[in-house]
Amino acid sequence: MPPEEVRALKACVSELSAVGRNLNQIARGINAGQQEGSEPLSKHLNEVRQQLGDLRAHVAQIVRANLMSWESGNA
């Protein structure tokens, strides 16, 4: 994978992490009772947070695999 693609994937991982942190803050506020009657929203936010975490982990795995390939000379 070309270095510019690796940099782009790393940037994606960083952005996904930031989105996940923001969703965590929203969910914590809802769970702390800052917004009444928001149980369905909380459930959806938790699902999105989980999916973002899965996506972030998958992209990070791709970056690691490509870096290992480059480092071992198999690229």
PDB file of N, CA and C in Angstrom:
ATOM      1  N   MET A   1       0.851  -1.169   0.000  1.00  0.00           N
ATOM      2  CA  MET A   1       0.000   0.000   0.000  1.00  0.00           C
ATOM      3  C   MET A   1       0.896   1.231   0.000  1.00  0.00           C
ATOM      4  N   PRO A   2       0.666   2.147  -0.907  1.00  0.00           N
ATOM      5  CA  PRO A   2       1.502   3.353  -0.968  1.00  0.00           C
ATOM      6  C   PRO A   2       1.411   4.162   0.330  1.00  0.00           C
ATOM      7  N   PRO A   3       2.507   4.844   0.672  1.00  0.00           N
ATOM      8  CA  PRO A   3       2.534   5.612   1.928  1.00  0.00           C
ATOM      9  C   PRO A   3       1.393   6.620   2.053  1.00  0.00           C
ATOM     10  N   GLU A   4       0.987   7.237   0.925  1.00  0.00           N
ATOM     11  CA  GLU A   4      -0.103   8.215   1.042  1.00  0.00           C
ATOM     12  C   GLU A   4      -1.419   7.545   1.395  1.00  0.00           C
ATOM     13  N   GLU A   5      -1.614   6.299   0.968  1.00  0.00           N
ATOM     14  CA  GLU A   5      -2.827   5.568   1.331  1.00  0.00           C
ATOM     15  C   GLU A   5      -2.799   5.180   2.806  1.00  0.00           C
ATOM     16  N   VAL A   6      -1.625   4.801   3.283  1.00  0.00           N
ATOM     17  CA  VAL A   6      -1.501   4.469   4.708  1.00  0.00           C
ATOM     18  C   VAL A   6      -1.809   5.709   5.536  1.00  0.00           C
ATOM     19  N   ARG A   7      -1.281   6.860   5.132  1.00  0.00           N
ATOM     20  CA  ARG A   7      -1.560   8.107   5.860  1.00  0.00           C
ATOM     21  C   ARG A   7      -3.056   8.413   5.843  1.00  0.00           C
ATOM     22  N   ALA A   8      -3.711   8.196   4.703  1.00  0.00           N
ATOM     23  CA  ALA A   8      -5.149   8.451   4.603  1.00  0.00           C
ATOM     24  C   ALA A   8      -5.933   7.515   5.517  1.00  0.00           C
ATOM     25  N   LEU A   9      -5.545   6.243   5.566  1.00  0.00           N
ATOM     26  CA  LEU A   9      -6.222   5.301   6.457  1.00  0.00           C
ATOM     27  C   LEU A   9      -6.006   5.674   7.918  1.00  0.00           C
ATOM     28  N   LYS A  10      -4.797   6.094   8.259  1.00  0.00           N
ATOM     29  CA  LYS A  10      -4.530   6.519   9.630  1.00  0.00           C
ATOM     30  C   LYS A  10      -5.389   7.721   9.990  1.00  0.00           C
ATOM     31  N   ALA A  11      -5.560   8.648   9.050  1.00  0.00           N
ATOM     32  CA  ALA A  11      -6.415   9.805   9.293  1.00  0.00           C
ATOM     33  C   ALA A  11      -7.861   9.364   9.509  1.00  0.00           C
ATOM     34  N   CYS A  12      -8.308   8.359   8.747  1.00  0.00           N
ATOM     35  CA  CYS A  12      -9.666   7.823   8.925  1.00  0.00           C
ATOM     36  C   CYS A  12      -9.832   7.224  10.308  1.00  0.00           C
ATOM     37  N   VAL A  13      -8.836   6.471  10.745  1.00  0.00           N
ATOM     38  CA  VAL A  13      -8.895   5.869  12.077  1.00  0.00           C
ATOM     39  C   VAL A  13      -8.998   6.959  13.134  1.00  0.00           C
ATOM     40  N   SER A  14      -8.238   8.017  12.964  1.00  0.00           N
ATOM     41  CA  SER A  14      -8.269   9.117  13.915  1.00  0.00           C
ATOM     42  C   SER A  14      -9.643   9.784  13.940  1.00  0.00           C
ATOM     43  N   GLU A  15     -10.215  10.025  12.775  1.00  0.00           N
ATOM     44  CA  GLU A  15     -11.535  10.644  12.697  1.00  0.00           C
ATOM     45  C   GLU A  15     -12.607   9.742  13.293  1.00  0.00           C
ATOM     46  N   LEU A  16     -12.537   8.445  13.001  1.00  0.00           N
ATOM     47  CA  LEU A  16     -13.503   7.507  13.567  1.00  0.00           C
ATOM     48  C   LEU A  16     -13.409   7.483  15.091  1.00  0.00           C
ATOM     49  N   SER A  17     -12.201   7.569  15.605  1.00  0.00           N
ATOM     50  CA  SER A  17     -12.017   7.601  17.057  1.00  0.00           C
ATOM     51  C   SER A  17     -12.657   8.850  17.651  1.00  0.00           C
ATOM     52  N   ALA A  18     -12.499   9.988  16.973  1.00  0.00           N
ATOM     53  CA  ALA A  18     -13.090  11.238  17.459  1.00  0.00           C
ATOM     54  C   ALA A  18     -14.617  11.154  17.452  1.00  0.00           C
ATOM     55  N   VAL A  19     -15.195  10.602  16.395  1.00  0.00           N
ATOM     56  CA  VAL A  19     -16.647  10.441  16.329  1.00  0.00           C
ATOM     57  C   VAL A  19     -17.117   9.525  17.457  1.00  0.00           C
ATOM     58  N   GLY A  20     -16.395   8.449  17.664  1.00  0.00           N
ATOM     59  CA  GLY A  20     -16.745   7.526  18.741  1.00  0.00           C
ATOM     60  C   GLY A  20     -16.709   8.198  20.105  1.00  0.00           C
ATOM     61  N   ARG A  21     -15.694   9.028  20.343  1.00  0.00           N
ATOM     62  CA  ARG A  21     -15.609   9.742  21.622  1.00  0.00           C
ATOM     63  C   ARG A  21     -16.792  10.694  21.788  1.00  0.00           C
ATOM     64  N   ASN A  22     -17.157  11.392  20.720  1.00  0.00           N
ATOM     65  CA  ASN A  22     -18.302  12.304  20.798  1.00  0.00           C
ATOM     66  C   ASN A  22     -19.593  11.544  21.087  1.00  0.00           C
ATOM     67  N   LEU A  23     -19.783  10.404  20.437  1.00  0.00           N
ATOM     68  CA  LEU A  23     -20.970   9.600  20.702  1.00  0.00           C
ATOM     69  C   LEU A  23     -20.980   9.094  22.137  1.00  0.00           C
ATOM     70  N   ASN A  24     -19.810   8.737  22.652  1.00  0.00           N
ATOM     71  CA  ASN A  24     -19.709   8.311  24.049  1.00  0.00           C
ATOM     72  C   ASN A  24     -20.167   9.418  24.991  1.00  0.00           C
ATOM     73  N   GLN A  25     -19.743  10.645  24.717  1.00  0.00           N
ATOM     74  CA  GLN A  25     -20.130  11.773  25.563  1.00  0.00           C
ATOM     75  C   GLN A  25     -21.634  11.994  25.519  1.00  0.00           C
ATOM     76  N   ILE A  26     -22.227  11.885  24.329  1.00  0.00           N
ATOM     77  CA  ILE A  26     -23.674  12.050  24.194  1.00  0.00           C
ATOM     78  C   ILE A  26     -24.393  10.946  24.962  1.00  0.00           C
ATOM     79  N   ALA A  27     -23.949   9.719  24.771  1.00  0.00           N
ATOM     80  CA  ALA A  27     -24.582   8.584  25.450  1.00  0.00           C
ATOM     81  C   ALA A  27     -24.450   8.699  26.963  1.00  0.00           C
ATOM     82  N   ARG A  28     -23.289   9.136  27.448  1.00  0.00           N
ATOM     83  CA  ARG A  28     -23.109   9.310  28.900  1.00  0.00           C
ATOM     84  C   ARG A  28     -24.073  10.351  29.443  1.00  0.00           C
ATOM     85  N   GLY A  29     -24.244  11.448  28.687  1.00  0.00           N
ATOM     86  CA  GLY A  29     -25.184  12.485  29.115  1.00  0.00           C
ATOM     87  C   GLY A  29     -26.601  11.951  29.186  1.00  0.00           C
ATOM     88  N   ILE A  30     -26.976  11.171  28.199  1.00  0.00           N
ATOM     89  CA  ILE A  30     -28.329  10.585  28.186  1.00  0.00           C
ATOM     90  C   ILE A  30     -28.473   9.602  29.343  1.00  0.00           C
ATOM     91  N   ASN A  31     -27.475   8.748  29.518  1.00  0.00           N
ATOM     92  CA  ASN A  31     -27.544   7.750  30.585  1.00  0.00           C
ATOM     93  C   ASN A  31     -27.521   8.382  31.976  1.00  0.00           C
ATOM     94  N   ALA A  32     -26.941   9.567  32.087  1.00  0.00           N
ATOM     95  CA  ALA A  32     -26.898  10.259  33.372  1.00  0.00           C
ATOM     96  C   ALA A  32     -28.205  10.994  33.649  1.00  0.00           C
ATOM     97  N   GLY A  33     -29.159  10.908  32.711  1.00  0.00           N
ATOM     98  CA  GLY A  33     -30.466  11.513  32.930  1.00  0.00           C
ATOM     99  C   GLY A  33     -30.558  12.958  32.499  1.00  0.00           C
ATOM    100  N   GLN A  34     -29.617  13.416  31.688  1.00  0.00           N
ATOM    101  CA  GLN A  34     -29.669  14.800  31.235  1.00  0.00           C
ATOM    102  C   GLN A  34     -30.799  15.031  30.237  1.00  0.00           C
ATOM    103  N   GLN A  35     -31.269  13.952  29.604  1.00  0.00           N
ATOM    104  CA  GLN A  35     -32.380  14.065  28.669  1.00  0.00           C
ATOM    105  C   GLN A  35     -33.382  12.972  28.998  1.00  0.00           C
ATOM    106  N   GLU A  36     -34.563  13.380  29.407  1.00  0.00           N
ATOM    107  CA  GLU A  36     -35.582  12.405  29.781  1.00  0.00           C
ATOM    108  C   GLU A  36     -36.248  11.825  28.544  1.00  0.00           C
ATOM    109  N   GLY A  37     -36.709  10.603  28.670  1.00  0.00           N
ATOM    110  CA  GLY A  37     -37.455   9.968  27.599  1.00  0.00           C
ATOM    111  C   GLY A  37     -36.637   9.686  26.354  1.00  0.00           C
ATOM    112  N   SER A  38     -35.352   9.480  26.525  1.00  0.00           N
ATOM    113  CA  SER A  38     -34.481   9.295  25.362  1.00  0.00           C
ATOM    114  C   SER A  38     -33.949   7.873  25.263  1.00  0.00           C
ATOM    115  N   GLU A  39     -34.643   6.918  25.839  1.00  0.00           N
ATOM    116  CA  GLU A  39     -34.154   5.546  25.812  1.00  0.00           C
ATOM    117  C   GLU A  39     -33.923   5.024  24.389  1.00  0.00           C
ATOM    118  N   PRO A  40     -34.875   5.224  23.444  1.00  0.00           N
ATOM    119  CA  PRO A  40     -34.613   4.744  22.082  1.00  0.00           C
ATOM    120  C   PRO A  40     -33.373   5.408  21.466  1.00  0.00           C
ATOM    121  N   LEU A  41     -33.202   6.711  21.704  1.00  0.00           N
ATOM    122  CA  LEU A  41     -32.028   7.415  21.175  1.00  0.00           C
ATOM    123  C   LEU A  41     -30.759   6.835  21.765  1.00  0.00           C
ATOM    124  N   SER A  42     -30.787   6.568  23.052  1.00  0.00           N
ATOM    125  CA  SER A  42     -29.617   5.992  23.712  1.00  0.00           C
ATOM    126  C   SER A  42     -29.270   4.643  23.110  1.00  0.00           C
ATOM    127  N   LYS A  43     -30.274   3.827  22.848  1.00  0.00           N
ATOM    128  CA  LYS A  43     -30.041   2.514  22.250  1.00  0.00           C
ATOM    129  C   LYS A  43     -29.404   2.658  20.870  1.00  0.00           C
ATOM    130  N   HIS A  44     -29.920   3.565  20.060  1.00  0.00           N
ATOM    131  CA  HIS A  44     -29.368   3.771  18.722  1.00  0.00           C
ATOM    132  C   HIS A  44     -27.945   4.327  18.776  1.00  0.00           C
ATOM    133  N   LEU A  45     -27.709   5.246  19.695  1.00  0.00           N
ATOM    134  CA  LEU A  45     -26.363   5.801  19.831  1.00  0.00           C
ATOM    135  C   LEU A  45     -25.369   4.716  20.241  1.00  0.00           C
ATOM    136  N   ASN A  46     -25.778   3.839  21.124  1.00  0.00           N
ATOM    137  CA  ASN A  46     -24.886   2.753  21.532  1.00  0.00           C
ATOM    138  C   ASN A  46     -24.602   1.809  20.377  1.00  0.00           C
ATOM    139  N   GLU A  47     -25.609   1.547  19.542  1.00  0.00           N
ATOM    140  CA  GLU A  47     -25.397   0.697  18.372  1.00  0.00           C
ATOM    141  C   GLU A  47     -24.428   1.355  17.392  1.00  0.00           C
ATOM    142  N   VAL A  48     -24.614   2.657  17.149  1.00  0.00           N
ATOM    143  CA  VAL A  48     -23.723   3.377  16.232  1.00  0.00           C
ATOM    144  C   VAL A  48     -22.310   3.408  16.793  1.00  0.00           C
ATOM    145  N   ARG A  49     -22.197   3.641  18.101  1.00  0.00           N
ATOM    146  CA  ARG A  49     -20.876   3.670  18.734  1.00  0.00           C
ATOM    147  C   ARG A  49     -20.172   2.338  18.558  1.00  0.00           C
ATOM    148  N   GLN A  50     -20.908   1.243  18.746  1.00  0.00           N
ATOM    149  CA  GLN A  50     -20.319  -0.088  18.575  1.00  0.00           C
ATOM    150  C   GLN A  50     -19.881  -0.300  17.125  1.00  0.00           C
ATOM    151  N   GLN A  51     -20.715   0.081  16.184  1.00  0.00           N
ATOM    152  CA  GLN A  51     -20.383  -0.094  14.772  1.00  0.00           C
ATOM    153  C   GLN A  51     -19.171   0.748  14.390  1.00  0.00           C
ATOM    154  N   LEU A  52     -19.102   1.969  14.908  1.00  0.00           N
ATOM    155  CA  LEU A  52     -17.925   2.803  14.639  1.00  0.00           C
ATOM    156  C   LEU A  52     -16.665   2.190  15.231  1.00  0.00           C
ATOM    157  N   GLY A  53     -16.786   1.630  16.419  1.00  0.00           N
ATOM    158  CA  GLY A  53     -15.644   0.966  17.030  1.00  0.00           C
ATOM    159  C   GLY A  53     -15.177  -0.225  16.205  1.00  0.00           C
ATOM    160  N   ASP A  54     -16.131  -0.992  15.701  1.00  0.00           N
ATOM    161  CA  ASP A  54     -15.789  -2.133  14.850  1.00  0.00           C
ATOM    162  C   ASP A  54     -15.101  -1.665  13.568  1.00  0.00           C
ATOM    163  N   LEU A  55     -15.639  -0.606  12.962  1.00  0.00           N
ATOM    164  CA  LEU A  55     -15.054  -0.067  11.735  1.00  0.00           C
ATOM    165  C   LEU A  55     -13.649   0.474  11.990  1.00  0.00           C
ATOM    166  N   ARG A  56     -13.485   1.181  13.105  1.00  0.00           N
ATOM    167  CA  ARG A  56     -12.160   1.723  13.446  1.00  0.00           C
ATOM    168  C   ARG A  56     -11.162   0.593  13.615  1.00  0.00           C
ATOM    169  N   ALA A  57     -11.571  -0.458  14.303  1.00  0.00           N
ATOM    170  CA  ALA A  57     -10.672  -1.592  14.513  1.00  0.00           C
ATOM    171  C   ALA A  57     -10.317  -2.267  13.193  1.00  0.00           C
ATOM    172  N   HIS A  58     -11.275  -2.378  12.304  1.00  0.00           N
ATOM    173  CA  HIS A  58     -11.026  -3.007  11.008  1.00  0.00           C
ATOM    174  C   HIS A  58     -10.034  -2.178  10.179  1.00  0.00           C
ATOM    175  N   VAL A  59     -10.239  -0.876  10.139  1.00  0.00           N
ATOM    176  CA  VAL A  59      -9.320  -0.013   9.377  1.00  0.00           C
ATOM    177  C   VAL A  59      -7.931  -0.052  10.005  1.00  0.00           C
ATOM    178  N   ALA A  60      -7.867  -0.026  11.331  1.00  0.00           N
ATOM    179  CA  ALA A  60      -6.570  -0.102  12.004  1.00  0.00           C
ATOM    180  C   ALA A  60      -5.873  -1.415  11.690  1.00  0.00           C
ATOM    181  N   GLN A  61      -6.628  -2.502  11.606  1.00  0.00           N
ATOM    182  CA  GLN A  61      -6.051  -3.805  11.266  1.00  0.00           C
ATOM    183  C   GLN A  61      -5.473  -3.782   9.849  1.00  0.00           C
ATOM    184  N   ILE A  62      -6.171  -3.138   8.928  1.00  0.00           N
ATOM    185  CA  ILE A  62      -5.668  -3.016   7.553  1.00  0.00           C
ATOM    186  C   ILE A  62      -4.348  -2.248   7.541  1.00  0.00           C
ATOM    187  N   VAL A  63      -4.298  -1.156   8.280  1.00  0.00           N
ATOM    188  CA  VAL A  63      -3.067  -0.355   8.343  1.00  0.00           C
ATOM    189  C   VAL A  63      -1.931  -1.185   8.918  1.00  0.00           C
ATOM    190  N   ARG A  64      -2.187  -1.903  10.024  1.00  0.00           N
ATOM    191  CA  ARG A  64      -1.135  -2.724  10.641  1.00  0.00           C
ATOM    192  C   ARG A  64      -0.641  -3.803   9.680  1.00  0.00           C
ATOM    193  N   ALA A  65      -1.569  -4.470   8.996  1.00  0.00           N
ATOM    194  CA  ALA A  65      -1.183  -5.537   8.067  1.00  0.00           C
ATOM    195  C   ALA A  65      -0.322  -4.988   6.942  1.00  0.00           C
ATOM    196  N   ASN A  66      -0.682  -3.830   6.430  1.00  0.00           N
ATOM    197  CA  ASN A  66       0.103  -3.244   5.349  1.00  0.00           C
ATOM    198  C   ASN A  66       1.462  -2.773   5.837  1.00  0.00           C
ATOM    199  N   LEU A  67       1.511  -2.208   7.024  1.00  0.00           N
ATOM    200  CA  LEU A  67       2.804  -1.783   7.572  1.00  0.00           C
ATOM    201  C   LEU A  67       3.718  -2.985   7.779  1.00  0.00           C
ATOM    202  N   MET A  68       3.161  -4.084   8.297  1.00  0.00           N
ATOM    203  CA  MET A  68       3.963  -5.293   8.495  1.00  0.00           C
ATOM    204  C   MET A  68       4.460  -5.827   7.150  1.00  0.00           C
ATOM    205  N   SER A  69       3.625  -5.750   6.124  1.00  0.00           N
ATOM    206  CA  SER A  69       4.012  -6.206   4.798  1.00  0.00           C
ATOM    207  C   SER A  69       5.161  -5.375   4.261  1.00  0.00           C
ATOM    208  N   TRP A  70       5.069  -4.061   4.445  1.00  0.00           N
ATOM    209  CA  TRP A  70       6.137  -3.175   3.965  1.00  0.00           C
ATOM    210  C   TRP A  70       7.423  -3.443   4.729  1.00  0.00           C
ATOM    211  N   GLU A  71       7.316  -3.608   6.044  1.00  0.00           N
ATOM    212  CA  GLU A  71       8.495  -3.807   6.873  1.00  0.00           C
ATOM    213  C   GLU A  71       9.180  -5.144   6.595  1.00  0.00           C
ATOM    214  N   SER A  72       8.403  -6.157   6.190  1.00  0.00           N
ATOM    215  CA  SER A  72       8.993  -7.461   5.934  1.00  0.00           C
ATOM    216  C   SER A  72       9.493  -7.603   4.491  1.00  0.00           C
ATOM    217  N   GLY A  73       9.229  -6.571   3.680  1.00  0.00           N
ATOM    218  CA  GLY A  73       9.681  -6.609   2.289  1.00  0.00           C
ATOM    219  C   GLY A  73       8.763  -7.358   1.371  1.00  0.00           C
ATOM    220  N   ASN A  74       7.549  -7.670   1.803  1.00  0.00           N
ATOM    221  CA  ASN A  74       6.599  -8.404   0.976  1.00  0.00           C
ATOM    222  C   ASN A  74       5.664  -7.497   0.185  1.00  0.00           C
ATOM    223  N   ALA A  75       5.883  -6.211   0.245  1.00  0.00           N
ATOM    224  CA  ALA A  75       4.967  -5.279  -0.434  1.00  0.00           C
ATOM    225  C   ALA A  75       5.262  -5.212  -1.914  1.00  0.00           C
TER     226      ALA A  75
END
